[in-house]
Amino acid sequence: MKRGFKTFLKEEDGMGVVEIILIIVVLVSLVAIFKKEITSVVNTILKKISSQAKVI
């Protein structure tokens, strides 16, 4: 039993999945918090692109 617990602690296969899930949760949270700011920046960039495309 003790040996099985030690090998369980040494296994790191699932750690990568947990880290990726935590990173995704943090990114989704940041997007949710800064949604208005991100939207305004993207809209500004798209307006500049479309106005400069008319010049060409």
Protein backbone atom coordinates (compact mmCIF):
# COMPACT_ATOMS: atom_id res chain seq x y z
CA MET A 1 0.00 0.00 0.00
CA LYS A 2 2.78 2.42 0.94
CA ARG A 3 4.67 1.62 -2.26
CA GLY A 4 1.57 2.20 -4.38
CA PHE A 5 1.06 5.61 -2.77
CA LYS A 6 4.66 6.62 -3.48
CA THR A 7 4.34 5.65 -7.15
CA PHE A 8 1.05 7.54 -7.32
CA LEU A 9 2.77 10.68 -6.05
CA LYS A 10 5.64 10.26 -8.52
CA GLU A 11 3.33 9.95 -11.54
CA GLU A 12 3.00 13.24 -13.36
CA ASP A 13 0.86 12.22 -16.33
CA GLY A 14 -2.22 14.04 -15.12
CA MET A 15 -0.37 17.17 -14.07
CA GLY A 16 -0.07 18.45 -17.63
CA VAL A 17 -3.82 18.22 -18.09
CA VAL A 18 -4.49 20.05 -14.84
CA GLU A 19 -2.05 22.82 -15.78
CA ILE A 20 -3.65 23.27 -19.20
CA ILE A 21 -7.14 23.42 -17.65
CA LEU A 22 -5.97 26.04 -15.13
CA ILE A 23 -4.41 28.15 -17.90
CA ILE A 24 -7.64 27.96 -19.92
CA VAL A 25 -9.69 28.98 -16.87
CA VAL A 26 -7.43 31.97 -16.25
CA LEU A 27 -7.59 33.06 -19.90
CA VAL A 28 -11.39 32.76 -20.02
CA SER A 29 -11.65 34.74 -16.79
CA LEU A 30 -9.43 37.51 -18.16
CA VAL A 31 -11.49 37.70 -21.34
CA ALA A 32 -14.69 37.89 -19.30
CA ILE A 33 -13.28 40.65 -17.09
CA PHE A 34 -11.86 42.75 -19.93
CA LYS A 35 -14.55 42.02 -22.53
CA LYS A 36 -15.49 45.68 -23.09
CA GLU A 37 -11.89 46.79 -23.48
CA ILE A 38 -11.03 43.96 -25.86
CA THR A 39 -14.14 44.67 -27.93
CA SER A 40 -13.34 48.36 -28.24
CA VAL A 41 -9.73 47.68 -29.26
CA VAL A 42 -10.79 45.15 -31.89
CA ASN A 43 -13.47 47.51 -33.24
CA THR A 44 -10.96 50.35 -33.48
CA ILE A 45 -8.49 48.17 -35.36
CA LEU A 46 -11.17 46.93 -37.77
CA LYS A 47 -12.38 50.49 -38.43
CA LYS A 48 -8.82 51.59 -39.25
CA ILE A 49 -8.35 48.64 -41.57
CA SER A 50 -11.61 49.25 -43.41
CA SER A 51 -10.98 53.00 -43.76
CA GLN A 52 -7.47 52.44 -45.09
CA ALA A 53 -8.70 49.72 -47.44
CA LYS A 54 -10.97 52.27 -49.11
CA VAL A 55 -7.94 54.45 -49.86
CA ILE A 56 -6.22 51.64 -51.73
